[in-house]
Amino acid sequence: VTHPDATFYARVEGDSMKDECVEDGDLLVVDKSLDPQDGNLVVSYIDGEFTLKRLRMGQGKIVLMPANKRYKPIEIGQESDFSVWGVVTYAIKKV
């Protein structure tokens, strides 16, 4: 852990990132001190819920991309209550 004071752990619930091998029950190491960049895996807060998605930024848009065909991308609108809580640095798998 590079930034212990800004790091937290979260347990994955759900299967929206399963095609990137991030699955229900995995433990995430999340660094709040990192600036989110296009392509980062992030823990976000949107309209009252937390979600784990791939961050896509460009052309004036922010989109949260799932890694499971059953889920649709989430485009962040100006009216959305949105923030990135942190960038995922590690996913620890249960074996």
PDB file of N, CA and C in Angstrom:
ATOM      1  N   VAL A   1       0.855  -1.175   0.000  1.00  0.00           N
ATOM      2  CA  VAL A   1       0.000   0.000   0.000  1.00  0.00           C
ATOM      3  C   VAL A   1       0.893   1.227   0.000  1.00  0.00           C
ATOM      4  N   THR A   2       0.766   2.028  -1.046  1.00  0.00           N
ATOM      5  CA  THR A   2       1.607   3.213  -1.211  1.00  0.00           C
ATOM      6  C   THR A   2       1.158   4.373  -0.341  1.00  0.00           C
ATOM      7  N   HIS A   3      -0.139   4.562  -0.169  1.00  0.00           N
ATOM      8  CA  HIS A   3      -0.688   5.681   0.608  1.00  0.00           C
ATOM      9  C   HIS A   3      -1.624   5.147   1.698  1.00  0.00           C
ATOM     10  N   PRO A   4      -1.067   4.653   2.811  1.00  0.00           N
ATOM     11  CA  PRO A   4      -1.891   4.000   3.830  1.00  0.00           C
ATOM     12  C   PRO A   4      -3.018   4.881   4.386  1.00  0.00           C
ATOM     13  N   ASP A   5      -2.776   6.170   4.545  1.00  0.00           N
ATOM     14  CA  ASP A   5      -3.808   7.041   5.115  1.00  0.00           C
ATOM     15  C   ASP A   5      -4.972   7.275   4.155  1.00  0.00           C
ATOM     16  N   ALA A   6      -4.772   7.006   2.879  1.00  0.00           N
ATOM     17  CA  ALA A   6      -5.816   7.252   1.871  1.00  0.00           C
ATOM     18  C   ALA A   6      -6.338   5.957   1.262  1.00  0.00           C
ATOM     19  N   THR A   7      -5.996   4.829   1.869  1.00  0.00           N
ATOM     20  CA  THR A   7      -6.369   3.533   1.304  1.00  0.00           C
ATOM     21  C   THR A   7      -7.455   2.876   2.142  1.00  0.00           C
ATOM     22  N   PHE A   8      -8.412   2.293   1.460  1.00  0.00           N
ATOM     23  CA  PHE A   8      -9.435   1.510   2.148  1.00  0.00           C
ATOM     24  C   PHE A   8      -9.667   0.224   1.370  1.00  0.00           C
ATOM     25  N   TYR A   9     -10.383  -0.682   1.994  1.00  0.00           N
ATOM     26  CA  TYR A   9     -10.674  -1.989   1.416  1.00  0.00           C
ATOM     27  C   TYR A   9     -12.174  -2.124   1.237  1.00  0.00           C
ATOM     28  N   ALA A  10     -12.575  -2.783   0.166  1.00  0.00           N
ATOM     29  CA  ALA A  10     -13.998  -2.974  -0.104  1.00  0.00           C
ATOM     30  C   ALA A  10     -14.208  -4.378  -0.648  1.00  0.00           C
ATOM     31  N   ARG A  11     -15.310  -4.957  -0.293  1.00  0.00           N
ATOM     32  CA  ARG A  11     -15.678  -6.287  -0.771  1.00  0.00           C
ATOM     33  C   ARG A  11     -16.607  -6.130  -1.974  1.00  0.00           C
ATOM     34  N   VAL A  12     -16.332  -6.864  -3.053  1.00  0.00           N
ATOM     35  CA  VAL A  12     -17.150  -6.808  -4.257  1.00  0.00           C
ATOM     36  C   VAL A  12     -18.458  -7.554  -4.019  1.00  0.00           C
ATOM     37  N   GLU A  13     -19.556  -6.907  -4.408  1.00  0.00           N
ATOM     38  CA  GLU A  13     -20.870  -7.544  -4.389  1.00  0.00           C
ATOM     39  C   GLU A  13     -21.441  -7.419  -5.793  1.00  0.00           C
ATOM     40  N   GLY A  14     -21.703  -8.532  -6.427  1.00  0.00           N
ATOM     41  CA  GLY A  14     -22.285  -8.502  -7.766  1.00  0.00           C
ATOM     42  C   GLY A  14     -21.332  -9.017  -8.830  1.00  0.00           C
ATOM     43  N   ASP A  15     -21.818  -8.978 -10.074  1.00  0.00           N
ATOM     44  CA  ASP A  15     -21.059  -9.581 -11.167  1.00  0.00           C
ATOM     45  C   ASP A  15     -20.856  -8.648 -12.367  1.00  0.00           C
ATOM     46  N   SER A  16     -20.989  -7.337 -12.161  1.00  0.00           N
ATOM     47  CA  SER A  16     -20.891  -6.409 -13.291  1.00  0.00           C
ATOM     48  C   SER A  16     -19.480  -6.296 -13.865  1.00  0.00           C
ATOM     49  N   MET A  17     -18.462  -6.782 -13.158  1.00  0.00           N
ATOM     50  CA  MET A  17     -17.081  -6.704 -13.650  1.00  0.00           C
ATOM     51  C   MET A  17     -16.463  -8.088 -13.857  1.00  0.00           C
ATOM     52  N   LYS A  18     -17.304  -9.112 -13.970  1.00  0.00           N
ATOM     53  CA  LYS A  18     -16.813 -10.494 -14.034  1.00  0.00           C
ATOM     54  C   LYS A  18     -15.944 -10.782 -15.247  1.00  0.00           C
ATOM     55  N   ASP A  19     -16.171 -10.095 -16.373  1.00  0.00           N
ATOM     56  CA  ASP A  19     -15.360 -10.347 -17.562  1.00  0.00           C
ATOM     57  C   ASP A  19     -13.945  -9.776 -17.448  1.00  0.00           C
ATOM     58  N   GLU A  20     -13.688  -9.032 -16.372  1.00  0.00           N
ATOM     59  CA  GLU A  20     -12.331  -8.583 -16.045  1.00  0.00           C
ATOM     60  C   GLU A  20     -11.798  -9.361 -14.845  1.00  0.00           C
ATOM     61  N   CYS A  21     -12.476 -10.465 -14.526  1.00  0.00           N
ATOM     62  CA  CYS A  21     -12.084 -11.359 -13.434  1.00  0.00           C
ATOM     63  C   CYS A  21     -12.151 -10.692 -12.063  1.00  0.00           C
ATOM     64  N   VAL A  22     -13.022  -9.696 -11.926  1.00  0.00           N
ATOM     65  CA  VAL A  22     -13.325  -9.112 -10.627  1.00  0.00           C
ATOM     66  C   VAL A  22     -14.722  -9.597 -10.293  1.00  0.00           C
ATOM     67  N   GLU A  23     -14.791 -10.449  -9.260  1.00  0.00           N
ATOM     68  CA  GLU A  23     -16.021 -11.186  -9.009  1.00  0.00           C
ATOM     69  C   GLU A  23     -16.537 -10.988  -7.595  1.00  0.00           C
ATOM     70  N   ASP A  24     -17.786 -11.369  -7.399  1.00  0.00           N
ATOM     71  CA  ASP A  24     -18.445 -11.302  -6.112  1.00  0.00           C
ATOM     72  C   ASP A  24     -17.558 -11.935  -5.039  1.00  0.00           C
ATOM     73  N   GLY A  25     -17.330 -11.215  -3.956  1.00  0.00           N
ATOM     74  CA  GLY A  25     -16.526 -11.726  -2.852  1.00  0.00           C
ATOM     75  C   GLY A  25     -15.071 -11.298  -2.881  1.00  0.00           C
ATOM     76  N   ASP A  26     -14.577 -10.802  -4.020  1.00  0.00           N
ATOM     77  CA  ASP A  26     -13.192 -10.339  -4.089  1.00  0.00           C
ATOM     78  C   ASP A  26     -13.005  -9.134  -3.160  1.00  0.00           C
ATOM     79  N   LEU A  27     -11.783  -8.957  -2.686  1.00  0.00           N
ATOM     80  CA  LEU A  27     -11.444  -7.821  -1.834  1.00  0.00           C
ATOM     81  C   LEU A  27     -10.660  -6.815  -2.672  1.00  0.00           C
ATOM     82  N   LEU A  28     -11.107  -5.561  -2.665  1.00  0.00           N
ATOM     83  CA  LEU A  28     -10.442  -4.513  -3.426  1.00  0.00           C
ATOM     84  C   LEU A  28      -9.596  -3.649  -2.515  1.00  0.00           C
ATOM     85  N   VAL A  29      -8.442  -3.233  -3.007  1.00  0.00           N
ATOM     86  CA  VAL A  29      -7.615  -2.225  -2.348  1.00  0.00           C
ATOM     87  C   VAL A  29      -7.832  -0.946  -3.153  1.00  0.00           C
ATOM     88  N   VAL A  30      -8.355   0.084  -2.491  1.00  0.00           N
ATOM     89  CA  VAL A  30      -8.771   1.310  -3.177  1.00  0.00           C
ATOM     90  C   VAL A  30      -8.001   2.499  -2.607  1.00  0.00           C
ATOM     91  N   ASP A  31      -7.358   3.257  -3.492  1.00  0.00           N
ATOM     92  CA  ASP A  31      -6.543   4.410  -3.095  1.00  0.00           C
ATOM     93  C   ASP A  31      -7.292   5.701  -3.426  1.00  0.00           C
ATOM     94  N   LYS A  32      -7.688   6.446  -2.391  1.00  0.00           N
ATOM     95  CA  LYS A  32      -8.418   7.701  -2.584  1.00  0.00           C
ATOM     96  C   LYS A  32      -7.504   8.857  -2.970  1.00  0.00           C
ATOM     97  N   SER A  33      -6.187   8.703  -2.830  1.00  0.00           N
ATOM     98  CA  SER A  33      -5.268   9.806  -3.124  1.00  0.00           C
ATOM     99  C   SER A  33      -4.919   9.909  -4.606  1.00  0.00           C
ATOM    100  N   LEU A  34      -5.239   8.883  -5.385  1.00  0.00           N
ATOM    101  CA  LEU A  34      -4.908   8.899  -6.813  1.00  0.00           C
ATOM    102  C   LEU A  34      -5.965   9.666  -7.602  1.00  0.00           C
ATOM    103  N   ASP A  35      -5.513  10.471  -8.563  1.00  0.00           N
ATOM    104  CA  ASP A  35      -6.436  11.152  -9.462  1.00  0.00           C
ATOM    105  C   ASP A  35      -6.956  10.142 -10.468  1.00  0.00           C
ATOM    106  N   PRO A  36      -8.262   9.998 -10.580  1.00  0.00           N
ATOM    107  CA  PRO A  36      -8.816   9.029 -11.534  1.00  0.00           C
ATOM    108  C   PRO A  36      -8.483   9.423 -12.968  1.00  0.00           C
ATOM    109  N   GLN A  37      -8.047   8.443 -13.733  1.00  0.00           N
ATOM    110  CA  GLN A  37      -7.667   8.634 -15.126  1.00  0.00           C
ATOM    111  C   GLN A  37      -8.536   7.749 -16.002  1.00  0.00           C
ATOM    112  N   ASP A  38      -8.651   8.136 -17.268  1.00  0.00           N
ATOM    113  CA  ASP A  38      -9.381   7.325 -18.235  1.00  0.00           C
ATOM    114  C   ASP A  38      -8.821   5.904 -18.232  1.00  0.00           C
ATOM    115  N   GLY A  39      -9.703   4.934 -18.099  1.00  0.00           N
ATOM    116  CA  GLY A  39      -9.299   3.529 -18.105  1.00  0.00           C
ATOM    117  C   GLY A  39      -9.110   2.914 -16.736  1.00  0.00           C
ATOM    118  N   ASN A  40      -9.074   3.751 -15.676  1.00  0.00           N
ATOM    119  CA  ASN A  40      -8.931   3.206 -14.323  1.00  0.00           C
ATOM    120  C   ASN A  40     -10.174   2.434 -13.910  1.00  0.00           C
ATOM    121  N   LEU A  41      -9.963   1.426 -13.084  1.00  0.00           N
ATOM    122  CA  LEU A  41     -11.057   0.749 -12.404  1.00  0.00           C
ATOM    123  C   LEU A  41     -11.314   1.562 -11.136  1.00  0.00           C
ATOM    124  N   VAL A  42     -12.556   2.046 -10.962  1.00  0.00           N
ATOM    125  CA  VAL A  42     -12.837   2.957  -9.859  1.00  0.00           C
ATOM    126  C   VAL A  42     -14.058   2.525  -9.065  1.00  0.00           C
ATOM    127  N   VAL A  43     -14.051   2.917  -7.796  1.00  0.00           N
ATOM    128  CA  VAL A  43     -15.243   2.829  -6.964  1.00  0.00           C
ATOM    129  C   VAL A  43     -15.864   4.218  -7.009  1.00  0.00           C
ATOM    130  N   SER A  44     -17.102   4.275  -7.499  1.00  0.00           N
ATOM    131  CA  SER A  44     -17.798   5.547  -7.664  1.00  0.00           C
ATOM    132  C   SER A  44     -19.076   5.558  -6.844  1.00  0.00           C
ATOM    133  N   TYR A  45     -19.513   6.766  -6.553  1.00  0.00           N
ATOM    134  CA  TYR A  45     -20.792   6.998  -5.906  1.00  0.00           C
ATOM    135  C   TYR A  45     -21.656   7.750  -6.908  1.00  0.00           C
ATOM    136  N   ILE A  46     -22.810   7.197  -7.236  1.00  0.00           N
ATOM    137  CA  ILE A  46     -23.702   7.860  -8.183  1.00  0.00           C
ATOM    138  C   ILE A  46     -25.147   7.732  -7.717  1.00  0.00           C
ATOM    139  N   ASP A  47     -25.753   8.878  -7.535  1.00  0.00           N
ATOM    140  CA  ASP A  47     -27.171   8.962  -7.170  1.00  0.00           C
ATOM    141  C   ASP A  47     -27.548   8.020  -6.024  1.00  0.00           C
ATOM    142  N   GLY A  48     -26.732   8.026  -4.966  1.00  0.00           N
ATOM    143  CA  GLY A  48     -27.061   7.277  -3.764  1.00  0.00           C
ATOM    144  C   GLY A  48     -26.553   5.854  -3.697  1.00  0.00           C
ATOM    145  N   GLU A  49     -25.817   5.407  -4.710  1.00  0.00           N
ATOM    146  CA  GLU A  49     -25.306   4.035  -4.717  1.00  0.00           C
ATOM    147  C   GLU A  49     -23.830   4.006  -5.081  1.00  0.00           C
ATOM    148  N   PHE A  50     -23.140   3.012  -4.539  1.00  0.00           N
ATOM    149  CA  PHE A  50     -21.749   2.779  -4.921  1.00  0.00           C
ATOM    150  C   PHE A  50     -21.709   1.779  -6.060  1.00  0.00           C
ATOM    151  N   THR A  51     -20.724   1.931  -6.938  1.00  0.00           N
ATOM    152  CA  THR A  51     -20.559   0.985  -8.036  1.00  0.00           C
ATOM    153  C   THR A  51     -19.082   0.862  -8.389  1.00  0.00           C
ATOM    154  N   LEU A  52     -18.729  -0.288  -8.896  1.00  0.00           N
ATOM    155  CA  LEU A  52     -17.378  -0.566  -9.371  1.00  0.00           C
ATOM    156  C   LEU A  52     -17.440  -0.684 -10.887  1.00  0.00           C
ATOM    157  N   LYS A  53     -16.726   0.191 -11.584  1.00  0.00           N
ATOM    158  CA  LYS A  53     -16.755   0.180 -13.051  1.00  0.00           C
ATOM    159  C   LYS A  53     -15.431   0.714 -13.593  1.00  0.00           C
ATOM    160  N   ARG A  54     -15.238   0.518 -14.891  1.00  0.00           N
ATOM    161  CA  ARG A  54     -14.098   1.076 -15.619  1.00  0.00           C
ATOM    162  C   ARG A  54     -14.462   2.502 -16.021  1.00  0.00           C
ATOM    163  N   LEU A  55     -13.622   3.465 -15.683  1.00  0.00           N
ATOM    164  CA  LEU A  55     -13.883   4.872 -15.959  1.00  0.00           C
ATOM    165  C   LEU A  55     -13.433   5.225 -17.369  1.00  0.00           C
ATOM    166  N   ARG A  56     -14.337   5.822 -18.139  1.00  0.00           N
ATOM    167  CA  ARG A  56     -14.019   6.315 -19.480  1.00  0.00           C
ATOM    168  C   ARG A  56     -14.337   7.800 -19.517  1.00  0.00           C
ATOM    169  N   MET A  57     -13.319   8.583 -19.863  1.00  0.00           N
ATOM    170  CA  MET A  57     -13.477  10.035 -19.944  1.00  0.00           C
ATOM    171  C   MET A  57     -12.959  10.503 -21.293  1.00  0.00           C
ATOM    172  N   GLY A  58     -13.718  11.377 -21.913  1.00  0.00           N
ATOM    173  CA  GLY A  58     -13.285  11.948 -23.186  1.00  0.00           C
ATOM    174  C   GLY A  58     -14.437  12.620 -23.887  1.00  0.00           C
ATOM    175  N   GLN A  59     -14.103  13.576 -24.731  1.00  0.00           N
ATOM    176  CA  GLN A  59     -15.094  14.316 -25.504  1.00  0.00           C
ATOM    177  C   GLN A  59     -16.159  14.932 -24.610  1.00  0.00           C
ATOM    178  N   GLY A  60     -15.741  15.389 -23.428  1.00  0.00           N
ATOM    179  CA  GLY A  60     -16.664  16.034 -22.511  1.00  0.00           C
ATOM    180  C   GLY A  60     -17.622  15.102 -21.805  1.00  0.00           C
ATOM    181  N   LYS A  61     -17.386  13.794 -21.879  1.00  0.00           N
ATOM    182  CA  LYS A  61     -18.272  12.811 -21.260  1.00  0.00           C
ATOM    183  C   LYS A  61     -17.527  11.976 -20.227  1.00  0.00           C
ATOM    184  N   ILE A  62     -18.298  11.516 -19.259  1.00  0.00           N
ATOM    185  CA  ILE A  62     -17.814  10.512 -18.309  1.00  0.00           C
ATOM    186  C   ILE A  62     -18.771   9.340 -18.404  1.00  0.00           C
ATOM    187  N   VAL A  63     -18.215   8.150 -18.622  1.00  0.00           N
ATOM    188  CA  VAL A  63     -19.024   6.936 -18.722  1.00  0.00           C
ATOM    189  C   VAL A  63     -18.404   5.872 -17.829  1.00  0.00           C
ATOM    190  N   LEU A  64     -19.236   5.182 -17.073  1.00  0.00           N
ATOM    191  CA  LEU A  64     -18.802   4.049 -16.254  1.00  0.00           C
ATOM    192  C   LEU A  64     -19.148   2.782 -17.016  1.00  0.00           C
ATOM    193  N   MET A  65     -18.122   1.995 -17.331  1.00  0.00           N
ATOM    194  CA  MET A  65     -18.278   0.823 -18.189  1.00  0.00           C
ATOM    195  C   MET A  65     -18.233  -0.474 -17.381  1.00  0.00           C
ATOM    196  N   PRO A  66     -19.267  -1.280 -17.485  1.00  0.00           N
ATOM    197  CA  PRO A  66     -19.253  -2.600 -16.856  1.00  0.00           C
ATOM    198  C   PRO A  66     -18.436  -3.574 -17.696  1.00  0.00           C
ATOM    199  N   ALA A  67     -18.138  -4.714 -17.114  1.00  0.00           N
ATOM    200  CA  ALA A  67     -17.443  -5.786 -17.837  1.00  0.00           C
ATOM    201  C   ALA A  67     -18.300  -7.042 -17.777  1.00  0.00           C
ATOM    202  N   ASN A  68     -19.548  -6.859 -18.164  1.00  0.00           N
ATOM    203  CA  ASN A  68     -20.510  -7.944 -18.233  1.00  0.00           C
ATOM    204  C   ASN A  68     -21.603  -7.466 -19.179  1.00  0.00           C
ATOM    205  N   LYS A  69     -21.873  -8.230 -20.222  1.00  0.00           N
ATOM    206  CA  LYS A  69     -22.825  -7.825 -21.255  1.00  0.00           C
ATOM    207  C   LYS A  69     -24.238  -7.623 -20.722  1.00  0.00           C
ATOM    208  N   ARG A  70     -24.534  -8.147 -19.548  1.00  0.00           N
ATOM    209  CA  ARG A  70     -25.872  -7.990 -18.967  1.00  0.00           C
ATOM    210  C   ARG A  70     -26.130  -6.573 -18.449  1.00  0.00           C
ATOM    211  N   TYR A  71     -25.083  -5.779 -18.324  1.00  0.00           N
ATOM    212  CA  TYR A  71     -25.207  -4.432 -17.771  1.00  0.00           C
ATOM    213  C   TYR A  71     -24.882  -3.387 -18.833  1.00  0.00           C
ATOM    214  N   LYS A  72     -25.561  -2.260 -18.739  1.00  0.00           N
ATOM    215  CA  LYS A  72     -25.345  -1.168 -19.684  1.00  0.00           C
ATOM    216  C   LYS A  72     -24.353  -0.162 -19.103  1.00  0.00           C
ATOM    217  N   PRO A  73     -23.603   0.531 -19.974  1.00  0.00           N
ATOM    218  CA  PRO A  73     -22.760   1.629 -19.498  1.00  0.00           C
ATOM    219  C   PRO A  73     -23.618   2.703 -18.827  1.00  0.00           C
ATOM    220  N   ILE A  74     -23.007   3.387 -17.876  1.00  0.00           N
ATOM    221  CA  ILE A  74     -23.694   4.463 -17.158  1.00  0.00           C
ATOM    222  C   ILE A  74     -23.046   5.783 -17.577  1.00  0.00           C
ATOM    223  N   GLU A  75     -23.785   6.592 -18.319  1.00  0.00           N
ATOM    224  CA  GLU A  75     -23.279   7.909 -18.698  1.00  0.00           C
ATOM    225  C   GLU A  75     -23.647   8.895 -17.589  1.00  0.00           C
ATOM    226  N   ILE A  76     -22.653   9.649 -17.140  1.00  0.00           N
ATOM    227  CA  ILE A  76     -22.849  10.588 -16.048  1.00  0.00           C
ATOM    228  C   ILE A  76     -23.361  11.904 -16.617  1.00  0.00           C
ATOM    229  N   GLY A  77     -24.557  12.284 -16.211  1.00  0.00           N
ATOM    230  CA  GLY A  77     -25.145  13.541 -16.648  1.00  0.00           C
ATOM    231  C   GLY A  77     -24.830  14.664 -15.675  1.00  0.00           C
ATOM    232  N   GLN A  78     -25.062  15.876 -16.107  1.00  0.00           N
ATOM    233  CA  GLN A  78     -24.794  17.037 -15.253  1.00  0.00           C
ATOM    234  C   GLN A  78     -25.648  17.024 -13.996  1.00  0.00           C
ATOM    235  N   GLU A  79     -26.829  16.430 -14.062  1.00  0.00           N
ATOM    236  CA  GLU A  79     -27.716  16.387 -12.908  1.00  0.00           C
ATOM    237  C   GLU A  79     -27.377  15.258 -11.939  1.00  0.00           C
ATOM    238  N   SER A  80     -26.459  14.384 -12.312  1.00  0.00           N
ATOM    239  CA  SER A  80     -26.100  13.235 -11.475  1.00  0.00           C
ATOM    240  C   SER A  80     -25.323  13.668 -10.238  1.00  0.00           C
ATOM    241  N   ASP A  81     -25.626  13.031  -9.117  1.00  0.00           N
ATOM    242  CA  ASP A  81     -24.834  13.180  -7.899  1.00  0.00           C
ATOM    243  C   ASP A  81     -23.721  12.142  -8.016  1.00  0.00           C
ATOM    244  N   PHE A  82     -22.531  12.570  -8.460  1.00  0.00           N
ATOM    245  CA  PHE A  82     -21.467  11.646  -8.834  1.00  0.00           C
ATOM    246  C   PHE A  82     -20.139  12.058  -8.233  1.00  0.00           C
ATOM    247  N   SER A  83     -19.396  11.050  -7.752  1.00  0.00           N
ATOM    248  CA  SER A  83     -18.004  11.265  -7.356  1.00  0.00           C
ATOM    249  C   SER A  83     -17.258   9.939  -7.455  1.00  0.00           C
ATOM    250  N   VAL A  84     -15.969  10.051  -7.699  1.00  0.00           N
ATOM    251  CA  VAL A  84     -15.094   8.876  -7.677  1.00  0.00           C
ATOM    252  C   VAL A  84     -14.511   8.805  -6.279  1.00  0.00           C
ATOM    253  N   TRP A  85     -14.773   7.711  -5.588  1.00  0.00           N
ATOM    254  CA  TRP A  85     -14.277   7.536  -4.224  1.00  0.00           C
ATOM    255  C   TRP A  85     -12.828   7.095  -4.205  1.00  0.00           C
ATOM    256  N   GLY A  86     -12.399   6.373  -5.224  1.00  0.00           N
ATOM    257  CA  GLY A  86     -11.021   5.936  -5.257  1.00  0.00           C
ATOM    258  C   GLY A  86     -10.733   5.042  -6.449  1.00  0.00           C
ATOM    259  N   VAL A  87      -9.442   4.880  -6.702  1.00  0.00           N
ATOM    260  CA  VAL A  87      -8.954   4.049  -7.797  1.00  0.00           C
ATOM    261  C   VAL A  87      -8.536   2.696  -7.230  1.00  0.00           C
ATOM    262  N   VAL A  88      -9.004   1.644  -7.858  1.00  0.00           N
ATOM    263  CA  VAL A  88      -8.664   0.294  -7.420  1.00  0.00           C
ATOM    264  C   VAL A  88      -7.226  -0.009  -7.836  1.00  0.00           C
ATOM    265  N   THR A  89      -6.396  -0.394  -6.864  1.00  0.00           N
ATOM    266  CA  THR A  89      -5.002  -0.727  -7.150  1.00  0.00           C
ATOM    267  C   THR A  89      -4.748  -2.229  -7.137  1.00  0.00           C
ATOM    268  N   TYR A  90      -5.582  -2.969  -6.390  1.00  0.00           N
ATOM    269  CA  TYR A  90      -5.453  -4.429  -6.338  1.00  0.00           C
ATOM    270  C   TYR A  90      -6.833  -5.055  -6.139  1.00  0.00           C
ATOM    271  N   ALA A  91      -7.006  -6.232  -6.699  1.00  0.00           N
ATOM    272  CA  ALA A  91      -8.178  -7.069  -6.428  1.00  0.00           C
ATOM    273  C   ALA A  91      -7.648  -8.390  -5.902  1.00  0.00           C
ATOM    274  N   ILE A  92      -8.051  -8.734  -4.695  1.00  0.00           N
ATOM    275  CA  ILE A  92      -7.577  -9.949  -4.040  1.00  0.00           C
ATOM    276  C   ILE A  92      -8.680 -10.994  -4.162  1.00  0.00           C
ATOM    277  N   LYS A  93      -8.344 -12.128  -4.730  1.00  0.00           N
ATOM    278  CA  LYS A  93      -9.319 -13.176  -5.009  1.00  0.00           C
ATOM    279  C   LYS A  93      -9.388 -14.183  -3.869  1.00  0.00           C
ATOM    280  N   LYS A  94     -10.589 -14.670  -3.641  1.00  0.00           N
ATOM    281  CA  LYS A  94     -10.786 -15.760  -2.700  1.00  0.00           C
ATOM    282  C   LYS A  94     -10.554 -17.063  -3.465  1.00  0.00           C
ATOM    283  N   VAL A  95      -9.759 -17.951  -2.909  1.00  0.00           N
ATOM    284  CA  VAL A  95      -9.485 -19.245  -3.571  1.00  0.00           C
ATOM    285  C   VAL A  95     -10.002 -20.389  -2.740  1.00  0.00           C
TER     286      VAL A  95
END
